[in-house]
């Protein structure tokens, strides 16, 4: 069984990572009894994850960032 975390916006559940599944795949969504969705999310200190934010090159321009976001949106399956 694979566990995928998601966010419920009051209408639908949005996975927090890409899910590759065939259409009409049965899923099971479990809500915590106390209604506190954050209780199911692992917590981590900023220092423990900030290493992934390091950048060792020249600063990117806003145009370069916009292009990268647009490129990523085109590559992501709908």
PDB file of N, CA and C in Angstrom:
ATOM      1  N   UNK A   1       0.852  -1.180   0.000  1.00  0.00           N
ATOM      2  CA  UNK A   1       0.000   0.000   0.000  1.00  0.00           C
ATOM      3  C   UNK A   1       0.892   1.237   0.000  1.00  0.00           C
ATOM      4  N   UNK A   2       0.549   2.208  -0.784  1.00  0.00           N
ATOM      5  CA  UNK A   2       1.286   3.475  -0.866  1.00  0.00           C
ATOM      6  C   UNK A   2       0.477   4.561  -0.190  1.00  0.00           C
ATOM      7  N   UNK A   3       1.135   5.382   0.609  1.00  0.00           N
ATOM      8  CA  UNK A   3       0.472   6.488   1.293  1.00  0.00           C
ATOM      9  C   UNK A   3       0.876   7.791   0.607  1.00  0.00           C
ATOM     10  N   UNK A   4      -0.110   8.587   0.232  1.00  0.00           N
ATOM     11  CA  UNK A   4       0.131   9.882  -0.400  1.00  0.00           C
ATOM     12  C   UNK A   4      -0.567  10.935   0.436  1.00  0.00           C
ATOM     13  N   UNK A   5       0.176  11.935   0.865  1.00  0.00           N
ATOM     14  CA  UNK A   5      -0.432  13.014   1.636  1.00  0.00           C
ATOM     15  C   UNK A   5      -1.044  14.035   0.686  1.00  0.00           C
ATOM     16  N   UNK A   6      -2.119  14.675   1.127  1.00  0.00           N
ATOM     17  CA  UNK A   6      -2.772  15.669   0.302  1.00  0.00           C
ATOM     18  C   UNK A   6      -3.431  16.731   1.154  1.00  0.00           C
ATOM     19  N   UNK A   7      -3.950  17.739   0.502  1.00  0.00           N
ATOM     20  CA  UNK A   7      -4.660  18.821   1.178  1.00  0.00           C
ATOM     21  C   UNK A   7      -6.110  18.834   0.710  1.00  0.00           C
ATOM     22  N   UNK A   8      -7.030  18.929   1.650  1.00  0.00           N
ATOM     23  CA  UNK A   8      -8.452  18.992   1.336  1.00  0.00           C
ATOM     24  C   UNK A   8      -8.888  20.446   1.416  1.00  0.00           C
ATOM     25  N   UNK A   9      -9.411  20.998   0.319  1.00  0.00           N
ATOM     26  CA  UNK A   9      -9.795  22.411   0.282  1.00  0.00           C
ATOM     27  C   UNK A   9     -11.281  22.628   0.549  1.00  0.00           C
ATOM     28  N   UNK A  10     -11.966  21.599   0.998  1.00  0.00           N
ATOM     29  CA  UNK A  10     -13.395  21.703   1.259  1.00  0.00           C
ATOM     30  C   UNK A  10     -14.224  21.132   0.126  1.00  0.00           C
ATOM     31  N   UNK A  11     -13.604  20.897  -1.033  1.00  0.00           N
ATOM     32  CA  UNK A  11     -14.302  20.323  -2.182  1.00  0.00           C
ATOM     33  C   UNK A  11     -13.607  19.069  -2.695  1.00  0.00           C
ATOM     34  N   UNK A  12     -12.286  19.094  -2.741  1.00  0.00           N
ATOM     35  CA  UNK A  12     -11.552  17.937  -3.258  1.00  0.00           C
ATOM     36  C   UNK A  12     -10.193  17.834  -2.580  1.00  0.00           C
ATOM     37  N   UNK A  13      -9.570  16.684  -2.736  1.00  0.00           N
ATOM     38  CA  UNK A  13      -8.259  16.433  -2.151  1.00  0.00           C
ATOM     39  C   UNK A  13      -7.204  16.638  -3.232  1.00  0.00           C
ATOM     40  N   UNK A  14      -6.184  17.420  -2.920  1.00  0.00           N
ATOM     41  CA  UNK A  14      -5.096  17.695  -3.851  1.00  0.00           C
ATOM     42  C   UNK A  14      -3.844  17.018  -3.331  1.00  0.00           C
ATOM     43  N   UNK A  15      -3.294  16.047  -4.073  1.00  0.00           N
ATOM     44  CA  UNK A  15      -2.089  15.368  -3.592  1.00  0.00           C
ATOM     45  C   UNK A  15      -0.916  16.329  -3.525  1.00  0.00           C
ATOM     46  N   UNK A  16      -0.024  16.089  -2.561  1.00  0.00           N
ATOM     47  CA  UNK A  16       1.136  16.950  -2.371  1.00  0.00           C
ATOM     48  C   UNK A  16       2.331  16.450  -3.175  1.00  0.00           C
ATOM     49  N   UNK A  17       2.151  15.394  -3.922  1.00  0.00           N
ATOM     50  CA  UNK A  17       3.182  14.868  -4.808  1.00  0.00           C
ATOM     51  C   UNK A  17       2.478  14.271  -6.014  1.00  0.00           C
ATOM     52  N   UNK A  18       3.205  14.071  -7.089  1.00  0.00           N
ATOM     53  CA  UNK A  18       2.608  13.508  -8.295  1.00  0.00           C
ATOM     54  C   UNK A  18       2.191  12.066  -8.033  1.00  0.00           C
ATOM     55  N   UNK A  19       1.013  11.717  -8.499  1.00  0.00           N
ATOM     56  CA  UNK A  19       0.491  10.365  -8.327  1.00  0.00           C
ATOM     57  C   UNK A  19       0.279   9.758  -9.706  1.00  0.00           C
ATOM     58  N   UNK A  20       0.977   8.683  -9.979  1.00  0.00           N
ATOM     59  CA  UNK A  20       0.808   7.983 -11.251  1.00  0.00           C
ATOM     60  C   UNK A  20      -0.112   6.793 -11.022  1.00  0.00           C
ATOM     61  N   UNK A  21      -1.348   6.929 -11.424  1.00  0.00           N
ATOM     62  CA  UNK A  21      -2.330   5.867 -11.254  1.00  0.00           C
ATOM     63  C   UNK A  21      -3.251   5.861 -12.468  1.00  0.00           C
ATOM     64  N   UNK A  22      -3.763   4.688 -12.757  1.00  0.00           N
ATOM     65  CA  UNK A  22      -4.699   4.563 -13.875  1.00  0.00           C
ATOM     66  C   UNK A  22      -6.031   5.202 -13.507  1.00  0.00           C
ATOM     67  N   UNK A  23      -6.778   5.702 -14.494  1.00  0.00           N
ATOM     68  CA  UNK A  23      -8.113   6.242 -14.209  1.00  0.00           C
ATOM     69  C   UNK A  23      -8.966   5.185 -13.517  1.00  0.00           C
ATOM     70  N   UNK A  24      -9.866   5.635 -12.687  1.00  0.00           N
ATOM     71  CA  UNK A  24     -10.791   4.790 -11.939  1.00  0.00           C
ATOM     72  C   UNK A  24     -10.097   3.907 -10.905  1.00  0.00           C
ATOM     73  N   UNK A  25      -8.903   4.308 -10.484  1.00  0.00           N
ATOM     74  CA  UNK A  25      -8.217   3.597  -9.415  1.00  0.00           C
ATOM     75  C   UNK A  25      -8.917   3.924  -8.102  1.00  0.00           C
ATOM     76  N   UNK A  26      -9.186   2.917  -7.305  1.00  0.00           N
ATOM     77  CA  UNK A  26      -9.856   3.127  -6.022  1.00  0.00           C
ATOM     78  C   UNK A  26      -8.846   3.663  -5.012  1.00  0.00           C
ATOM     79  N   UNK A  27      -9.224   4.710  -4.302  1.00  0.00           N
ATOM     80  CA  UNK A  27      -8.374   5.287  -3.272  1.00  0.00           C
ATOM     81  C   UNK A  27      -9.147   5.343  -1.962  1.00  0.00           C
ATOM     82  N   UNK A  28      -8.410   5.394  -0.876  1.00  0.00           N
ATOM     83  CA  UNK A  28      -9.031   5.496   0.448  1.00  0.00           C
ATOM     84  C   UNK A  28      -8.482   6.752   1.107  1.00  0.00           C
ATOM     85  N   UNK A  29      -9.361   7.632   1.526  1.00  0.00           N
ATOM     86  CA  UNK A  29      -8.967   8.880   2.180  1.00  0.00           C
ATOM     87  C   UNK A  29      -9.407   8.792   3.633  1.00  0.00           C
ATOM     88  N   UNK A  30      -8.453   9.013   4.529  1.00  0.00           N
ATOM     89  CA  UNK A  30      -8.736   8.936   5.961  1.00  0.00           C
ATOM     90  C   UNK A  30      -8.495  10.289   6.598  1.00  0.00           C
ATOM     91  N   UNK A  31      -9.488  10.807   7.301  1.00  0.00           N
ATOM     92  CA  UNK A  31      -9.351  12.071   8.006  1.00  0.00           C
ATOM     93  C   UNK A  31      -9.100  11.784   9.479  1.00  0.00           C
ATOM     94  N   UNK A  32      -8.227  12.564  10.118  1.00  0.00           N
ATOM     95  CA  UNK A  32      -7.996  12.353  11.543  1.00  0.00           C
ATOM     96  C   UNK A  32      -9.268  12.622  12.330  1.00  0.00           C
ATOM     97  N   UNK A  33      -9.456  11.892  13.428  1.00  0.00           N
ATOM     98  CA  UNK A  33     -10.674  12.022  14.225  1.00  0.00           C
ATOM     99  C   UNK A  33     -10.891  13.421  14.772  1.00  0.00           C
ATOM    100  N   UNK A  34      -9.802  14.124  15.103  1.00  0.00           N
ATOM    101  CA  UNK A  34      -9.957  15.455  15.681  1.00  0.00           C
ATOM    102  C   UNK A  34     -10.109  16.543  14.628  1.00  0.00           C
ATOM    103  N   UNK A  35     -10.060  16.176  13.331  1.00  0.00           N
ATOM    104  CA  UNK A  35     -10.221  17.143  12.264  1.00  0.00           C
ATOM    105  C   UNK A  35      -8.983  17.991  12.020  1.00  0.00           C
ATOM    106  N   UNK A  36      -7.906  17.699  12.721  1.00  0.00           N
ATOM    107  CA  UNK A  36      -6.673  18.469  12.587  1.00  0.00           C
ATOM    108  C   UNK A  36      -5.788  17.823  11.534  1.00  0.00           C
ATOM    109  N   UNK A  37      -5.857  18.317  10.304  1.00  0.00           N
ATOM    110  CA  UNK A  37      -5.091  17.731   9.207  1.00  0.00           C
ATOM    111  C   UNK A  37      -3.597  17.836   9.446  1.00  0.00           C
ATOM    112  N   UNK A  38      -3.156  18.876  10.135  1.00  0.00           N
ATOM    113  CA  UNK A  38      -1.717  19.033  10.356  1.00  0.00           C
ATOM    114  C   UNK A  38      -1.169  17.950  11.273  1.00  0.00           C
ATOM    115  N   UNK A  39      -2.040  17.262  12.016  1.00  0.00           N
ATOM    116  CA  UNK A  39      -1.578  16.202  12.907  1.00  0.00           C
ATOM    117  C   UNK A  39      -1.009  15.029  12.114  1.00  0.00           C
ATOM    118  N   UNK A  40      -1.401  14.891  10.853  1.00  0.00           N
ATOM    119  CA  UNK A  40      -0.909  13.771  10.043  1.00  0.00           C
ATOM    120  C   UNK A  40       0.332  14.148   9.245  1.00  0.00           C
ATOM    121  N   UNK A  41       0.741  15.401   9.313  1.00  0.00           N
ATOM    122  CA  UNK A  41       1.896  15.877   8.559  1.00  0.00           C
ATOM    123  C   UNK A  41       3.131  15.822   9.436  1.00  0.00           C
ATOM    124  N   UNK A  42       4.192  15.251   8.885  1.00  0.00           N
ATOM    125  CA  UNK A  42       5.433  15.211   9.649  1.00  0.00           C
ATOM    126  C   UNK A  42       5.991  16.615   9.784  1.00  0.00           C
ATOM    127  N   UNK A  43       6.525  16.911  10.938  1.00  0.00           N
ATOM    128  CA  UNK A  43       7.112  18.221  11.181  1.00  0.00           C
ATOM    129  C   UNK A  43       8.624  18.094  11.124  1.00  0.00           C
ATOM    130  N   UNK A  44       9.275  19.127  10.604  1.00  0.00           N
ATOM    131  CA  UNK A  44      10.732  19.148  10.525  1.00  0.00           C
ATOM    132  C   UNK A  44      11.221  20.561  10.818  1.00  0.00           C
ATOM    133  N   UNK A  45      12.347  20.635  11.470  1.00  0.00           N
ATOM    134  CA  UNK A  45      12.942  21.941  11.749  1.00  0.00           C
ATOM    135  C   UNK A  45      13.483  22.520  10.447  1.00  0.00           C
ATOM    136  N   UNK A  46      13.425  23.837  10.322  1.00  0.00           N
ATOM    137  CA  UNK A  46      13.903  24.494   9.112  1.00  0.00           C
ATOM    138  C   UNK A  46      15.359  24.133   8.835  1.00  0.00           C
ATOM    139  N   UNK A  47      16.182  24.090   9.874  1.00  0.00           N
ATOM    140  CA  UNK A  47      17.593  23.750   9.687  1.00  0.00           C
ATOM    141  C   UNK A  47      17.773  22.374   9.061  1.00  0.00           C
ATOM    142  N   UNK A  48      16.843  21.467   9.298  1.00  0.00           N
ATOM    143  CA  UNK A  48      16.963  20.104   8.778  1.00  0.00           C
ATOM    144  C   UNK A  48      16.679  20.031   7.284  1.00  0.00           C
ATOM    145  N   UNK A  49      15.931  20.972   6.747  1.00  0.00           N
ATOM    146  CA  UNK A  49      15.555  20.914   5.329  1.00  0.00           C
ATOM    147  C   UNK A  49      16.081  22.083   4.501  1.00  0.00           C
ATOM    148  N   UNK A  50      16.641  23.086   5.138  1.00  0.00           N
ATOM    149  CA  UNK A  50      17.092  24.280   4.419  1.00  0.00           C
ATOM    150  C   UNK A  50      18.246  23.994   3.473  1.00  0.00           C
ATOM    151  N   UNK A  51      18.956  22.893   3.656  1.00  0.00           N
ATOM    152  CA  UNK A  51      20.075  22.567   2.777  1.00  0.00           C
ATOM    153  C   UNK A  51      19.664  22.427   1.328  1.00  0.00           C
ATOM    154  N   UNK A  52      18.424  22.044   1.077  1.00  0.00           N
ATOM    155  CA  UNK A  52      17.969  21.881  -0.298  1.00  0.00           C
ATOM    156  C   UNK A  52      17.739  23.233  -0.975  1.00  0.00           C
ATOM    157  N   UNK A  53      17.802  24.321  -0.222  1.00  0.00           N
ATOM    158  CA  UNK A  53      17.562  25.645  -0.783  1.00  0.00           C
ATOM    159  C   UNK A  53      18.833  26.334  -1.251  1.00  0.00           C
ATOM    160  N   UNK A  54      19.981  25.738  -0.966  1.00  0.00           N
ATOM    161  CA  UNK A  54      21.247  26.382  -1.317  1.00  0.00           C
ATOM    162  C   UNK A  54      21.402  26.489  -2.832  1.00  0.00           C
ATOM    163  N   UNK A  55      21.973  27.590  -3.267  1.00  0.00           N
ATOM    164  CA  UNK A  55      22.234  27.818  -4.691  1.00  0.00           C
ATOM    165  C   UNK A  55      23.640  28.354  -4.797  1.00  0.00           C
ATOM    166  N   UNK A  56      24.429  27.748  -5.669  1.00  0.00           N
ATOM    167  CA  UNK A  56      25.830  28.099  -5.761  1.00  0.00           C
ATOM    168  C   UNK A  56      26.179  28.870  -7.029  1.00  0.00           C
ATOM    169  N   UNK A  57      25.202  29.381  -7.733  1.00  0.00           N
ATOM    170  CA  UNK A  57      25.469  30.080  -8.984  1.00  0.00           C
ATOM    171  C   UNK A  57      25.056  31.534  -8.900  1.00  0.00           C
ATOM    172  N   UNK A  58      25.069  32.193 -10.042  1.00  0.00           N
ATOM    173  CA  UNK A  58      24.641  33.602 -10.058  1.00  0.00           C
ATOM    174  C   UNK A  58      23.137  33.699  -9.796  1.00  0.00           C
ATOM    175  N   UNK A  59      22.722  34.832  -9.290  1.00  0.00           N
ATOM    176  CA  UNK A  59      21.302  35.048  -9.003  1.00  0.00           C
ATOM    177  C   UNK A  59      20.483  34.924 -10.285  1.00  0.00           C
ATOM    178  N   UNK A  60      19.312  34.299 -10.185  1.00  0.00           N
ATOM    179  CA  UNK A  60      18.405  34.172 -11.323  1.00  0.00           C
ATOM    180  C   UNK A  60      17.536  35.423 -11.420  1.00  0.00           C
ATOM    181  N   UNK A  61      17.213  35.814 -12.629  1.00  0.00           N
ATOM    182  CA  UNK A  61      16.322  36.957 -12.826  1.00  0.00           C
ATOM    183  C   UNK A  61      14.880  36.485 -12.697  1.00  0.00           C
ATOM    184  N   UNK A  62      13.974  37.428 -12.524  1.00  0.00           N
ATOM    185  CA  UNK A  62      12.551  37.066 -12.464  1.00  0.00           C
ATOM    186  C   UNK A  62      12.106  36.421 -13.766  1.00  0.00           C
ATOM    187  N   UNK A  63      12.637  36.884 -14.886  1.00  0.00           N
ATOM    188  CA  UNK A  63      12.283  36.304 -16.183  1.00  0.00           C
ATOM    189  C   UNK A  63      12.729  34.843 -16.255  1.00  0.00           C
ATOM    190  N   UNK A  64      13.940  34.551 -15.772  1.00  0.00           N
ATOM    191  CA  UNK A  64      14.428  33.171 -15.778  1.00  0.00           C
ATOM    192  C   UNK A  64      13.568  32.277 -14.889  1.00  0.00           C
ATOM    193  N   UNK A  65      13.152  32.809 -13.730  1.00  0.00           N
ATOM    194  CA  UNK A  65      12.297  32.029 -12.840  1.00  0.00           C
ATOM    195  C   UNK A  65      10.926  31.793 -13.472  1.00  0.00           C
ATOM    196  N   UNK A  66      10.358  32.826 -14.100  1.00  0.00           N
ATOM    197  CA  UNK A  66       9.065  32.676 -14.777  1.00  0.00           C
ATOM    198  C   UNK A  66       9.144  31.624 -15.884  1.00  0.00           C
ATOM    199  N   UNK A  67      10.235  31.663 -16.657  1.00  0.00           N
ATOM    200  CA  UNK A  67      10.417  30.679 -17.733  1.00  0.00           C
ATOM    201  C   UNK A  67      10.514  29.260 -17.171  1.00  0.00           C
ATOM    202  N   UNK A  68      11.235  29.102 -16.067  1.00  0.00           N
ATOM    203  CA  UNK A  68      11.381  27.780 -15.459  1.00  0.00           C
ATOM    204  C   UNK A  68      10.042  27.260 -14.949  1.00  0.00           C
ATOM    205  N   UNK A  69       9.241  28.130 -14.350  1.00  0.00           N
ATOM    206  CA  UNK A  69       7.916  27.727 -13.857  1.00  0.00           C
ATOM    207  C   UNK A  69       7.026  27.323 -15.040  1.00  0.00           C
ATOM    208  N   UNK A  70       7.039  28.112 -16.105  1.00  0.00           N
ATOM    209  CA  UNK A  70       6.228  27.803 -17.295  1.00  0.00           C
ATOM    210  C   UNK A  70       6.672  26.475 -17.919  1.00  0.00           C
ATOM    211  N   UNK A  71       7.971  26.270 -17.989  1.00  0.00           N
ATOM    212  CA  UNK A  71       8.518  25.022 -18.551  1.00  0.00           C
ATOM    213  C   UNK A  71       8.081  23.824 -17.701  1.00  0.00           C
ATOM    214  N   UNK A  72       8.158  23.977 -16.372  1.00  0.00           N
ATOM    215  CA  UNK A  72       7.736  22.905 -15.482  1.00  0.00           C
ATOM    216  C   UNK A  72       6.244  22.613 -15.593  1.00  0.00           C
ATOM    217  N   UNK A  73       5.432  23.662 -15.768  1.00  0.00           N
ATOM    218  CA  UNK A  73       3.991  23.469 -15.918  1.00  0.00           C
ATOM    219  C   UNK A  73       3.656  22.705 -17.187  1.00  0.00           C
ATOM    220  N   UNK A  74       4.395  22.963 -18.274  1.00  0.00           N
ATOM    221  CA  UNK A  74       4.160  22.258 -19.535  1.00  0.00           C
ATOM    222  C   UNK A  74       4.561  20.789 -19.429  1.00  0.00           C
ATOM    223  N   UNK A  75       5.627  20.512 -18.650  1.00  0.00           N
ATOM    224  CA  UNK A  75       6.125  19.135 -18.527  1.00  0.00           C
ATOM    225  C   UNK A  75       5.263  18.294 -17.604  1.00  0.00           C
ATOM    226  N   UNK A  76       4.535  18.917 -16.694  1.00  0.00           N
ATOM    227  CA  UNK A  76       3.735  18.179 -15.721  1.00  0.00           C
ATOM    228  C   UNK A  76       2.459  17.655 -16.372  1.00  0.00           C
ATOM    229  N   UNK A  77       2.210  16.349 -16.236  1.00  0.00           N
ATOM    230  CA  UNK A  77       0.977  15.800 -16.827  1.00  0.00           C
ATOM    231  C   UNK A  77      -0.253  16.333 -16.101  1.00  0.00           C
ATOM    232  N   UNK A  78      -1.346  16.524 -16.837  1.00  0.00           N
ATOM    233  CA  UNK A  78      -2.558  17.042 -16.205  1.00  0.00           C
ATOM    234  C   UNK A  78      -3.405  15.960 -15.622  1.00  0.00           C
TER     235      UNK A  78
END
